[in-house]
Amino acid sequence: MSVAASVLGYAGLGFLTRCYQLGIQKRNIFDNLGGHAMAMTAFGALGYYFHGLEGRQQELIQKKKEQILENRERLAARASAADE
């Protein structure tokens, strides 16, 4: 998923959340457009953060897998050396 799709998707969610909030309060949805802009900006920033978070998590998982494989190889080498 691209960065733009993440940001725009979460910004749209922010807009819908703000409209739902105003609907619950029975206020005019188009009364204060600044609130909509703030919600969209905040949710868009979250989308950007989550997009980068997925990449960082994948890198950490890959590094951890490599460490585990190295440890297994080292333990297997020790075990085979101890058997001889």
N, C-alpha and C. Protein backbone atom coordinates (compact mmCIF):
# COMPACT_ATOMS: atom_id res chain seq x y z
N MET A 1 0.85 -1.17 0.00
CA MET A 1 0.00 0.00 0.00
C MET A 1 0.90 1.24 0.00
N SER A 2 0.56 2.21 -0.81
CA SER A 2 1.40 3.40 -0.93
C SER A 2 1.14 4.36 0.23
N VAL A 3 2.07 5.27 0.37
CA VAL A 3 1.95 6.26 1.45
C VAL A 3 0.73 7.14 1.23
N ALA A 4 0.51 7.56 -0.01
CA ALA A 4 -0.64 8.43 -0.30
C ALA A 4 -1.96 7.73 0.02
N ALA A 5 -2.05 6.46 -0.31
CA ALA A 5 -3.29 5.72 -0.02
C ALA A 5 -3.51 5.62 1.49
N SER A 6 -2.43 5.39 2.24
CA SER A 6 -2.55 5.31 3.70
C SER A 6 -3.01 6.64 4.29
N VAL A 7 -2.34 7.70 3.87
CA VAL A 7 -2.66 9.02 4.43
C VAL A 7 -4.08 9.44 4.05
N LEU A 8 -4.44 9.28 2.78
CA LEU A 8 -5.78 9.68 2.35
C LEU A 8 -6.87 8.79 2.97
N GLY A 9 -6.59 7.52 3.12
CA GLY A 9 -7.56 6.63 3.75
C GLY A 9 -7.83 7.01 5.19
N TYR A 10 -6.77 7.26 5.94
CA TYR A 10 -6.96 7.65 7.33
C TYR A 10 -7.55 9.05 7.45
N ALA A 11 -7.21 9.95 6.53
CA ALA A 11 -7.80 11.29 6.55
C ALA A 11 -9.31 11.19 6.28
N GLY A 12 -9.70 10.34 5.36
CA GLY A 12 -11.13 10.12 5.11
C GLY A 12 -11.83 9.55 6.34
N LEU A 13 -11.14 8.65 7.03
CA LEU A 13 -11.70 8.12 8.27
C LEU A 13 -11.86 9.23 9.31
N GLY A 14 -10.90 10.15 9.36
CA GLY A 14 -11.00 11.28 10.28
C GLY A 14 -12.19 12.17 9.95
N PHE A 15 -12.41 12.39 8.65
CA PHE A 15 -13.55 13.20 8.23
C PHE A 15 -14.87 12.53 8.63
N LEU A 16 -14.97 11.24 8.38
CA LEU A 16 -16.19 10.51 8.75
C LEU A 16 -16.40 10.48 10.27
N THR A 17 -15.31 10.35 10.99
CA THR A 17 -15.41 10.34 12.46
C THR A 17 -15.92 11.68 12.96
N ARG A 18 -15.41 12.76 12.39
CA ARG A 18 -15.86 14.10 12.79
C ARG A 18 -17.33 14.31 12.44
N CYS A 19 -17.75 13.85 11.26
CA CYS A 19 -19.16 13.97 10.88
C CYS A 19 -20.05 13.15 11.82
N TYR A 20 -19.60 11.96 12.18
CA TYR A 20 -20.36 11.11 13.10
C TYR A 20 -20.46 11.77 14.47
N GLN A 21 -19.35 12.37 14.91
CA GLN A 21 -19.35 13.07 16.20
C GLN A 21 -20.38 14.19 16.21
N LEU A 22 -20.39 15.01 15.15
CA LEU A 22 -21.34 16.11 15.09
C LEU A 22 -22.77 15.60 14.94
N GLY A 23 -22.94 14.48 14.25
CA GLY A 23 -24.26 13.89 14.11
C GLY A 23 -24.81 13.41 15.44
N ILE A 24 -23.96 12.82 16.26
CA ILE A 24 -24.38 12.37 17.59
C ILE A 24 -24.79 13.57 18.44
N GLN A 25 -24.05 14.67 18.31
CA GLN A 25 -24.37 15.88 19.08
C GLN A 25 -25.53 16.66 18.48
N LYS A 26 -26.03 16.21 17.32
CA LYS A 26 -27.14 16.87 16.60
C LYS A 26 -26.81 18.32 16.27
N ARG A 27 -25.55 18.51 15.81
CA ARG A 27 -25.11 19.82 15.37
C ARG A 27 -24.98 19.80 13.86
N ASN A 28 -24.94 20.98 13.25
CA ASN A 28 -24.79 21.10 11.82
C ASN A 28 -23.41 20.57 11.41
N ILE A 29 -23.36 19.67 10.43
CA ILE A 29 -22.11 19.05 10.03
C ILE A 29 -21.15 20.08 9.42
N PHE A 30 -21.66 21.07 8.73
CA PHE A 30 -20.81 22.05 8.06
C PHE A 30 -20.66 23.33 8.87
N ASP A 31 -20.91 23.27 10.17
CA ASP A 31 -20.84 24.45 11.02
C ASP A 31 -19.40 24.94 11.19
N ASN A 32 -18.50 24.05 11.52
CA ASN A 32 -17.12 24.44 11.78
C ASN A 32 -16.20 23.56 10.94
N LEU A 33 -15.77 24.06 9.80
CA LEU A 33 -14.94 23.27 8.90
C LEU A 33 -13.50 23.12 9.41
N GLY A 34 -13.10 23.98 10.32
CA GLY A 34 -11.76 23.85 10.91
C GLY A 34 -11.63 22.58 11.72
N GLY A 35 -12.69 22.17 12.36
CA GLY A 35 -12.67 20.91 13.11
C GLY A 35 -12.49 19.72 12.19
N HIS A 36 -13.13 19.79 11.02
CA HIS A 36 -12.95 18.72 10.03
C HIS A 36 -11.49 18.66 9.58
N ALA A 37 -10.91 19.83 9.32
CA ALA A 37 -9.52 19.88 8.85
C ALA A 37 -8.57 19.34 9.92
N MET A 38 -8.82 19.67 11.18
CA MET A 38 -7.96 19.17 12.25
C MET A 38 -8.08 17.65 12.38
N ALA A 39 -9.29 17.12 12.30
CA ALA A 39 -9.48 15.68 12.40
C ALA A 39 -8.81 14.96 11.23
N MET A 40 -8.96 15.52 10.03
CA MET A 40 -8.35 14.89 8.86
C MET A 40 -6.82 14.94 8.95
N THR A 41 -6.27 16.04 9.45
CA THR A 41 -4.82 16.16 9.60
C THR A 41 -4.30 15.17 10.63
N ALA A 42 -4.98 15.07 11.76
CA ALA A 42 -4.54 14.14 12.81
C ALA A 42 -4.61 12.69 12.34
N PHE A 43 -5.72 12.32 11.70
CA PHE A 43 -5.85 10.95 11.23
C PHE A 43 -4.89 10.67 10.08
N GLY A 44 -4.65 11.65 9.22
CA GLY A 44 -3.68 11.48 8.13
C GLY A 44 -2.27 11.27 8.67
N ALA A 45 -1.93 11.99 9.73
CA ALA A 45 -0.63 11.80 10.37
C ALA A 45 -0.52 10.40 10.95
N LEU A 46 -1.60 9.91 11.54
CA LEU A 46 -1.61 8.54 12.05
C LEU A 46 -1.41 7.54 10.91
N GLY A 47 -2.05 7.78 9.78
CA GLY A 47 -1.88 6.91 8.62
C GLY A 47 -0.45 6.88 8.14
N TYR A 48 0.20 8.04 8.13
CA TYR A 48 1.61 8.12 7.72
C TYR A 48 2.49 7.36 8.70
N TYR A 49 2.21 7.52 10.00
CA TYR A 49 2.98 6.81 11.03
C TYR A 49 2.79 5.31 10.91
N PHE A 50 1.55 4.86 10.73
CA PHE A 50 1.29 3.42 10.62
C PHE A 50 1.92 2.82 9.37
N HIS A 51 1.97 3.58 8.30
CA HIS A 51 2.62 3.10 7.07
C HIS A 51 4.10 2.84 7.33
N GLY A 52 4.77 3.76 7.98
CA GLY A 52 6.18 3.58 8.30
C GLY A 52 6.39 2.52 9.36
N LEU A 53 5.44 2.36 10.26
CA LEU A 53 5.55 1.38 11.34
C LEU A 53 5.61 -0.03 10.78
N GLU A 54 4.83 -0.32 9.77
CA GLU A 54 4.82 -1.65 9.18
C GLU A 54 6.20 -2.01 8.61
N GLY A 55 6.81 -1.07 7.93
CA GLY A 55 8.15 -1.30 7.38
C GLY A 55 9.18 -1.53 8.47
N ARG A 56 9.12 -0.73 9.52
CA ARG A 56 10.06 -0.90 10.62
C ARG A 56 9.87 -2.24 11.32
N GLN A 57 8.63 -2.67 11.48
CA GLN A 57 8.37 -3.96 12.11
C GLN A 57 8.90 -5.10 11.25
N GLN A 58 8.75 -5.02 9.94
CA GLN A 58 9.26 -6.06 9.06
C GLN A 58 10.78 -6.15 9.14
N GLU A 59 11.46 -5.01 9.22
CA GLU A 59 12.91 -5.01 9.36
C GLU A 59 13.34 -5.66 10.67
N LEU A 60 12.66 -5.33 11.77
CA LEU A 60 13.00 -5.93 13.06
C LEU A 60 12.76 -7.43 13.06
N ILE A 61 11.67 -7.87 12.44
CA ILE A 61 11.37 -9.31 12.36
C ILE A 61 12.46 -10.02 11.55
N GLN A 62 12.88 -9.44 10.44
CA GLN A 62 13.92 -10.05 9.61
C GLN A 62 15.24 -10.16 10.37
N LYS A 63 15.61 -9.11 11.10
CA LYS A 63 16.85 -9.15 11.89
C LYS A 63 16.78 -10.23 12.96
N LYS A 64 15.63 -10.35 13.60
CA LYS A 64 15.46 -11.34 14.66
C LYS A 64 15.54 -12.75 14.08
N LYS A 65 14.95 -12.98 12.90
CA LYS A 65 15.04 -14.29 12.25
C LYS A 65 16.49 -14.65 11.96
N GLU A 66 17.25 -13.67 11.46
CA GLU A 66 18.66 -13.91 11.17
C GLU A 66 19.43 -14.26 12.44
N GLN A 67 19.15 -13.57 13.55
CA GLN A 67 19.82 -13.88 14.81
C GLN A 67 19.47 -15.28 15.28
N ILE A 68 18.22 -15.68 15.16
CA ILE A 68 17.80 -17.00 15.59
C ILE A 68 18.48 -18.08 14.76
N LEU A 69 18.56 -17.87 13.44
CA LEU A 69 19.23 -18.85 12.58
C LEU A 69 20.71 -18.97 12.90
N GLU A 70 21.36 -17.84 13.17
CA GLU A 70 22.77 -17.87 13.55
C GLU A 70 22.97 -18.61 14.87
N ASN A 71 22.09 -18.37 15.84
CA ASN A 71 22.19 -19.07 17.12
C ASN A 71 21.98 -20.57 16.94
N ARG A 72 21.04 -20.97 16.11
CA ARG A 72 20.80 -22.40 15.86
C ARG A 72 22.02 -23.05 15.22
N GLU A 73 22.62 -22.37 14.25
CA GLU A 73 23.81 -22.92 13.59
C GLU A 73 24.96 -23.05 14.58
N ARG A 74 25.13 -22.06 15.42
CA ARG A 74 26.21 -22.09 16.41
C ARG A 74 25.99 -23.21 17.42
N LEU A 75 24.74 -23.38 17.88
CA LEU A 75 24.44 -24.46 18.83
C LEU A 75 24.60 -25.83 18.19
N ALA A 76 24.21 -25.95 16.92
CA ALA A 76 24.37 -27.22 16.20
C ALA A 76 25.85 -27.55 16.04
N ALA A 77 26.67 -26.55 15.77
CA ALA A 77 28.12 -26.76 15.64
C ALA A 77 28.71 -27.19 16.97
N ARG A 78 28.28 -26.60 18.06
CA ARG A 78 28.77 -26.99 19.39
C ARG A 78 28.35 -28.41 19.72
N ALA A 79 27.11 -28.74 19.40
CA ALA A 79 26.63 -30.09 19.70
C ALA A 79 27.39 -31.14 18.90
N SER A 80 27.67 -30.86 17.63
CA SER A 80 28.40 -31.82 16.81
C SER A 80 29.85 -31.93 17.26
N ALA A 81 30.42 -30.84 17.72
CA ALA A 81 31.80 -30.87 18.21
C ALA A 81 31.88 -31.62 19.55
N ALA A 82 30.85 -31.51 20.37
CA ALA A 82 30.84 -32.21 21.66
C ALA A 82 30.62 -33.70 21.47
N ASP A 83 29.91 -34.09 20.42
CA ASP A 83 29.67 -35.51 20.14
C ASP A 83 30.92 -36.23 19.66
N GLU A 84 31.84 -35.50 19.06
CA GLU A 84 33.05 -36.12 18.51
C GLU A 84 34.03 -36.37 19.57
